[in-house]
Protein backbone atom coordinates (compact mmCIF):
# COMPACT_ATOMS: atom_id res chain seq x y z
CA MET A 1 -41.03 29.71 27.54
CA LYS A 2 -40.14 32.56 29.83
CA ASN A 3 -43.20 34.80 29.43
CA THR A 4 -46.28 32.61 29.18
CA LEU A 5 -49.33 33.93 31.02
CA ILE A 6 -51.86 31.48 32.42
CA ASN A 7 -55.18 32.66 33.81
CA PRO A 8 -56.05 30.49 36.85
CA ASN A 9 -59.76 31.24 36.37
CA GLN A 10 -59.57 29.88 32.83
CA LEU A 11 -57.93 26.70 34.09
CA GLN A 12 -60.55 26.27 36.84
CA TYR A 13 -63.37 26.96 34.38
CA PHE A 14 -61.98 24.16 32.22
CA GLY A 15 -61.98 21.76 35.21
CA LEU A 16 -58.41 21.86 36.49
CA ASP A 17 -57.79 22.24 40.22
CA VAL A 18 -55.65 25.35 40.81
CA LYS A 19 -54.16 25.92 44.25
CA ASP A 20 -52.38 29.27 43.97
CA ASP A 21 -52.80 30.63 47.49
CA PRO A 22 -49.32 31.02 49.03
CA TYR A 23 -50.91 31.58 52.47
CA ASP A 24 -52.63 28.18 52.54
CA LYS A 25 -50.33 26.12 54.77
CA ASN A 26 -52.43 22.96 54.24
CA GLN A 27 -51.93 22.61 50.50
CA PRO A 28 -48.89 23.15 48.30
CA MET A 29 -49.36 25.48 45.33
CA ARG A 30 -50.08 23.44 42.23
CA ILE A 31 -52.19 22.84 39.15
CA GLU A 32 -53.79 19.41 39.09
CA SER A 33 -55.50 17.71 36.16
CA GLU A 34 -59.17 16.85 36.45
CA ASN A 35 -58.42 13.16 36.96
CA GLY A 36 -55.57 13.91 39.41
CA LYS A 37 -52.97 12.04 37.35
CA ALA A 38 -50.89 15.12 36.51
CA VAL A 39 -49.71 17.62 39.13
CA LEU A 40 -47.75 20.70 38.12
CA PRO A 41 -46.02 22.43 41.07
CA LEU A 42 -46.28 26.21 41.29
CA HIS A 43 -43.54 28.40 42.73
CA SER A 44 -43.38 32.00 43.88
CA ASP A 45 -40.90 34.82 43.59
CA GLY A 46 -42.17 37.72 45.67
CA THR A 47 -45.80 38.11 44.61
CA VAL A 48 -45.31 36.39 41.25
CA ILE A 49 -46.61 32.82 41.13
CA TYR A 50 -45.18 30.80 38.29
CA LEU A 51 -44.81 27.37 36.75
CA ASP A 52 -41.47 26.17 35.42
CA THR A 53 -41.91 25.54 31.68
CA TRP A 54 -39.66 24.71 28.76
CA SER A 55 -39.98 23.80 25.13
CA PRO A 56 -40.29 20.00 25.07
CA THR A 57 -37.70 17.84 23.40
CA ASP A 58 -38.65 14.83 21.30
CA VAL A 59 -37.85 12.64 24.33
CA ASP A 60 -40.17 14.77 26.53
CA LEU A 61 -42.97 14.43 23.98
CA ASN A 62 -42.55 10.65 23.96
CA ASP A 63 -42.01 10.08 27.70
CA PHE A 64 -44.39 12.51 29.42
CA PRO A 65 -48.18 12.47 29.39
CA ARG A 66 -49.99 15.27 27.59
CA VAL A 67 -52.22 17.41 29.74
CA ILE A 68 -54.84 19.53 28.04
CA MET A 69 -55.21 22.69 30.10
CA SER A 70 -57.86 24.61 28.18
CA SER A 71 -60.67 24.28 25.69
CA HIS A 72 -60.23 24.67 21.95
CA HIS A 73 -63.06 27.23 22.15
CA GLU A 74 -62.10 30.90 22.46
CA TRP A 75 -61.74 32.09 26.07
CA ASN A 76 -63.74 35.22 26.78
CA PRO A 77 -63.55 36.17 30.48
CA ALA A 78 -66.53 38.52 30.09
CA ASP A 79 -68.77 35.51 29.35
CA VAL A 80 -67.77 33.59 32.49
CA LYS A 81 -70.30 33.51 35.30
CA PHE A 82 -68.84 32.70 38.71
CA PRO A 83 -70.98 30.84 41.27
CA LYS A 84 -73.05 33.26 43.33
CA THR A 85 -73.10 33.45 47.11
CA SER A 86 -76.19 31.78 48.56
CA ARG A 87 -78.91 34.02 50.01
CA GLN A 88 -78.34 32.37 53.40
CA SER A 89 -74.64 33.30 53.33
CA GLU A 90 -75.50 36.88 52.35
CA GLU A 91 -77.96 37.13 55.24
CA GLU A 92 -75.42 35.69 57.70
CA MET A 93 -72.79 38.21 56.59
CA SER A 94 -75.34 41.01 56.80
CA PHE A 95 -76.34 40.11 60.37
CA ARG A 96 -72.70 39.86 61.46
CA SER A 97 -71.94 43.34 60.13
CA ILE A 98 -71.48 46.06 62.71
CA ALA A 99 -74.20 48.69 62.30
CA SER A 100 -72.59 51.34 64.51
CA VAL A 101 -69.53 51.75 66.71
CA ARG A 102 -69.08 54.13 69.62
CA GLY A 103 -65.58 55.02 70.71
CA GLU A 104 -64.53 55.38 74.34
CA GLU A 105 -61.27 56.67 75.76
CA PHE A 106 -59.02 53.81 76.78
CA HIS A 107 -55.84 53.86 78.83
CA ALA A 108 -53.76 50.81 77.97
CA GLU A 109 -51.63 51.08 81.10
CA ASP A 110 -54.72 50.40 83.21
CA GLU A 111 -55.24 46.99 81.61
CA MET A 112 -51.79 45.58 80.95
CA ASP A 113 -48.10 46.33 81.06
CA MET A 114 -47.40 47.61 77.53
CA ASP A 115 -43.65 46.97 77.94
CA ASP A 116 -44.37 43.25 77.60
CA CYS A 117 -46.53 43.51 74.49
CA LEU A 118 -45.95 45.40 71.26
CA PHE A 119 -49.15 44.33 69.48
CA ASN A 120 -51.74 41.79 70.56
CA ILE A 121 -54.30 41.39 67.74
CA GLY A 122 -56.43 38.99 69.77
CA GLU A 123 -56.84 41.46 72.60
CA ILE A 124 -57.42 44.38 70.24
CA SER A 125 -60.08 42.41 68.35
CA GLN A 126 -61.75 41.38 71.60
CA ARG A 127 -61.82 44.97 72.84
CA MET A 128 -63.24 46.26 69.57
CA LEU A 129 -65.96 43.63 69.48
CA SER A 130 -66.90 44.03 73.12
CA SER A 131 -67.14 47.82 72.78
CA ALA A 132 -69.42 47.67 69.73
CA LYS A 133 -72.99 48.60 70.56
CA VAL A 134 -75.44 47.24 68.01
CA HIS A 135 -78.78 48.93 68.52
CA GLU A 136 -80.66 47.20 65.73
CA ALA A 137 -79.45 44.83 63.06
CA PRO A 138 -80.69 45.92 59.62
CA THR A 139 -82.60 43.47 57.46
CA VAL A 140 -81.15 42.35 54.14
CA ASP A 141 -83.68 44.57 52.34
CA GLN A 142 -82.67 47.59 54.43
CA VAL A 143 -79.02 47.01 53.56
CA LYS A 144 -79.87 46.78 49.84
CA VAL A 145 -81.93 50.00 49.96
CA ALA A 146 -79.08 51.78 51.78
CA ARG A 147 -76.55 50.60 49.18
CA ILE A 148 -78.78 51.73 46.30
CA ALA A 149 -79.30 55.12 47.97
CA HIS A 150 -75.55 55.46 48.45
CA LEU A 151 -74.87 54.62 44.79
CA ASN A 152 -77.57 57.02 43.62
CA SER A 153 -76.14 59.84 45.71
CA HIS A 154 -72.75 59.40 44.01
CA THR A 155 -73.97 59.11 40.43
CA ASN A 156 -73.93 62.08 38.08
CA TYR A 157 -77.21 61.65 36.20
CA ASP A 158 -76.61 64.71 34.02
CA LYS A 159 -74.60 62.59 31.60
CA PHE A 160 -77.60 60.31 31.11
CA LEU A 161 -80.13 63.09 30.47
CA HIS A 162 -80.61 64.22 26.88
CA PHE A 163 -82.70 67.26 26.05
CA ASN A 164 -83.97 67.95 22.54
């Protein structure tokens, strides 16, 4: 079964636990049944994540448990509603956003010997954050109004207008 596509969102929607993040060092990639009795290891080849599959033999069908991985109802991804972010989380992200940044000339040789360091993300991040000047944090409503204004300014309304 070389070319079988499995949608991880469909599996999760059905109740299976899908761990398909190759960057998560704390958990191996796998698909796990709802009751945890069946674990199917996932592998990767470049950016392709896959599951070793084969057509079962009669012995396989007798010896291995059967794991139902989806519903008998038709899967329509357009009907799926993912959990929404809580209002509190949205507000926290909004308040942590940088409203404005002012650049200043910086001479790296004044701070450190660049021969010893090719790229120090921690120091770069610290410098960027410490140089940010936030004059006023916008409210959630102000951010929403700004987003709507931005969308409206980039929408061609002519295609929606009909004249008789």
